[in-house]
Amino acid sequence: MVIRVQLFGAFRDVVDQAHIDIVLPEAATVGELRAEIVRLYPKLGVRIGRFPFALGDSFAKDSEVLREGVEVTIVGLVGGG
């Protein structure tokens, strides 16, 4: 299955893209997605381990199973004042 991951801020800057498409086997987990992103984009490795992933509008645990078509976002730092 193909999982599209939306990137913002520093994550977008590192890969110079607004999103990446990651190919995973059926019933892959968020943790497996995280590992595959690090394998494909090693420069994200240090950063990506500290930040949560969101599936749709909810935060996801690494053990959560993905399904094709789900909207995945890496939730980075948010600034404000």
C-alpha atoms as a PDB file:
ATOM      1  CA  MET A   1       0.000   0.000   0.000  1.00  0.00           C
ATOM      2  CA  VAL A   2       1.062   3.597  -0.506  1.00  0.00           C
ATOM      3  CA  ILE A   3       0.934   6.008   2.430  1.00  0.00           C
ATOM      4  CA  ARG A   4       1.181   9.748   1.759  1.00  0.00           C
ATOM      5  CA  VAL A   5       2.884  11.685   4.534  1.00  0.00           C
ATOM      6  CA  GLN A   6       2.360  15.444   4.725  1.00  0.00           C
ATOM      7  CA  LEU A   7       5.452  17.438   5.729  1.00  0.00           C
ATOM      8  CA  PHE A   8       5.661  20.871   7.291  1.00  0.00           C
ATOM      9  CA  GLY A   9       8.370  23.160   8.632  1.00  0.00           C
ATOM     10  CA  ALA A  10      11.792  21.596   9.143  1.00  0.00           C
ATOM     11  CA  PHE A  11      10.628  18.224   7.792  1.00  0.00           C
ATOM     12  CA  ARG A  12       9.625  19.832   4.508  1.00  0.00           C
ATOM     13  CA  ASP A  13      12.915  21.739   4.378  1.00  0.00           C
ATOM     14  CA  VAL A  14      14.992  18.567   4.791  1.00  0.00           C
ATOM     15  CA  VAL A  15      13.389  16.678   1.890  1.00  0.00           C
ATOM     16  CA  ASP A  16      12.378  19.780  -0.110  1.00  0.00           C
ATOM     17  CA  GLN A  17       8.878  18.395  -0.695  1.00  0.00           C
ATOM     18  CA  ALA A  18       5.416  19.044   0.747  1.00  0.00           C
ATOM     19  CA  HIS A  19       4.716  15.312   1.015  1.00  0.00           C
ATOM     20  CA  ILE A  20       6.332  11.928   0.496  1.00  0.00           C
ATOM     21  CA  ASP A  21       4.748   8.661  -0.618  1.00  0.00           C
ATOM     22  CA  ILE A  22       5.939   5.575   1.239  1.00  0.00           C
ATOM     23  CA  VAL A  23       5.268   2.016   0.062  1.00  0.00           C
ATOM     24  CA  LEU A  24       4.537  -0.412   2.899  1.00  0.00           C
ATOM     25  CA  PRO A  25       3.022  -3.887   3.174  1.00  0.00           C
ATOM     26  CA  GLU A  26      -0.646  -4.215   4.122  1.00  0.00           C
ATOM     27  CA  ALA A  27      -1.283  -3.933   7.881  1.00  0.00           C
ATOM     28  CA  ALA A  28       1.952  -1.984   8.479  1.00  0.00           C
ATOM     29  CA  THR A  29       2.095   0.114  11.638  1.00  0.00           C
ATOM     30  CA  VAL A  30       2.960   3.730  12.303  1.00  0.00           C
ATOM     31  CA  GLY A  31       6.264   2.501  13.791  1.00  0.00           C
ATOM     32  CA  GLU A  32       7.073   0.670  10.558  1.00  0.00           C
ATOM     33  CA  LEU A  33       6.223   3.811   8.603  1.00  0.00           C
ATOM     34  CA  ARG A  34       8.537   5.827  10.851  1.00  0.00           C
ATOM     35  CA  ALA A  35      11.371   3.308  10.305  1.00  0.00           C
ATOM     36  CA  GLU A  36      10.882   3.312   6.524  1.00  0.00           C
ATOM     37  CA  ILE A  37      10.956   7.108   6.391  1.00  0.00           C
ATOM     38  CA  VAL A  38      14.246   7.105   8.316  1.00  0.00           C
ATOM     39  CA  ARG A  39      15.647   4.442   5.954  1.00  0.00           C
ATOM     40  CA  LEU A  40      14.678   6.448   2.859  1.00  0.00           C
ATOM     41  CA  TYR A  41      15.462   9.893   4.308  1.00  0.00           C
ATOM     42  CA  PRO A  42      18.303   9.446   6.829  1.00  0.00           C
ATOM     43  CA  LYS A  43      18.534  13.192   7.482  1.00  0.00           C
ATOM     44  CA  LEU A  44      15.086  12.995   9.094  1.00  0.00           C
ATOM     45  CA  GLY A  45      16.249  10.259  11.480  1.00  0.00           C
ATOM     46  CA  VAL A  46      17.236  12.385  14.465  1.00  0.00           C
ATOM     47  CA  ARG A  47      14.247  14.680  14.146  1.00  0.00           C
ATOM     48  CA  ILE A  48      11.507  12.210  13.352  1.00  0.00           C
ATOM     49  CA  GLY A  49      11.917  10.046  16.453  1.00  0.00           C
ATOM     50  CA  ARG A  50      10.860  12.851  18.772  1.00  0.00           C
ATOM     51  CA  PHE A  51       7.665  13.927  17.077  1.00  0.00           C
ATOM     52  CA  PRO A  52       4.236  12.303  17.002  1.00  0.00           C
ATOM     53  CA  PHE A  53       2.411  11.231  13.882  1.00  0.00           C
ATOM     54  CA  ALA A  54      -1.226  12.101  13.280  1.00  0.00           C
ATOM     55  CA  LEU A  55      -3.674   9.961  11.341  1.00  0.00           C
ATOM     56  CA  GLY A  56      -6.408  12.261  10.162  1.00  0.00           C
ATOM     57  CA  ASP A  57      -7.082  14.539  13.106  1.00  0.00           C
ATOM     58  CA  SER A  58      -5.852  12.214  15.893  1.00  0.00           C
ATOM     59  CA  PHE A  59      -2.419  11.433  17.280  1.00  0.00           C
ATOM     60  CA  ALA A  60      -1.287   7.858  16.635  1.00  0.00           C
ATOM     61  CA  LYS A  61       0.805   5.383  18.609  1.00  0.00           C
ATOM     62  CA  ASP A  62       3.582   3.540  16.803  1.00  0.00           C
ATOM     63  CA  SER A  63       1.595   0.307  17.243  1.00  0.00           C
ATOM     64  CA  GLU A  64      -1.419   1.625  15.318  1.00  0.00           C
ATOM     65  CA  VAL A  65      -2.108  -0.171  12.036  1.00  0.00           C
ATOM     66  CA  LEU A  66      -2.258   1.965   8.897  1.00  0.00           C
ATOM     67  CA  ARG A  67      -4.753   1.641   6.087  1.00  0.00           C
ATOM     68  CA  GLU A  68      -4.327   2.888   2.554  1.00  0.00           C
ATOM     69  CA  GLY A  69      -5.720   6.352   1.967  1.00  0.00           C
ATOM     70  CA  VAL A  70      -5.290   7.581   5.536  1.00  0.00           C
ATOM     71  CA  GLU A  71      -3.902  11.118   5.855  1.00  0.00           C
ATOM     72  CA  VAL A  72      -0.623  11.009   7.814  1.00  0.00           C
ATOM     73  CA  THR A  73       1.141  14.090   9.151  1.00  0.00           C
ATOM     74  CA  ILE A  74       4.348  14.362  11.139  1.00  0.00           C
ATOM     75  CA  VAL A  75       3.494  16.849  13.872  1.00  0.00           C
ATOM     76  CA  GLY A  76       6.490  19.153  14.332  1.00  0.00           C
ATOM     77  CA  LEU A  77       7.101  22.147  16.501  1.00  0.00           C
ATOM     78  CA  VAL A  78       4.492  24.876  16.397  1.00  0.00           C
ATOM     79  CA  GLY A  79       5.492  28.455  17.057  1.00  0.00           C
ATOM     80  CA  GLY A  80       3.285  31.205  18.281  1.00  0.00           C
ATOM     81  CA  GLY A  81       3.137  34.143  20.512  1.00  0.00           C
END
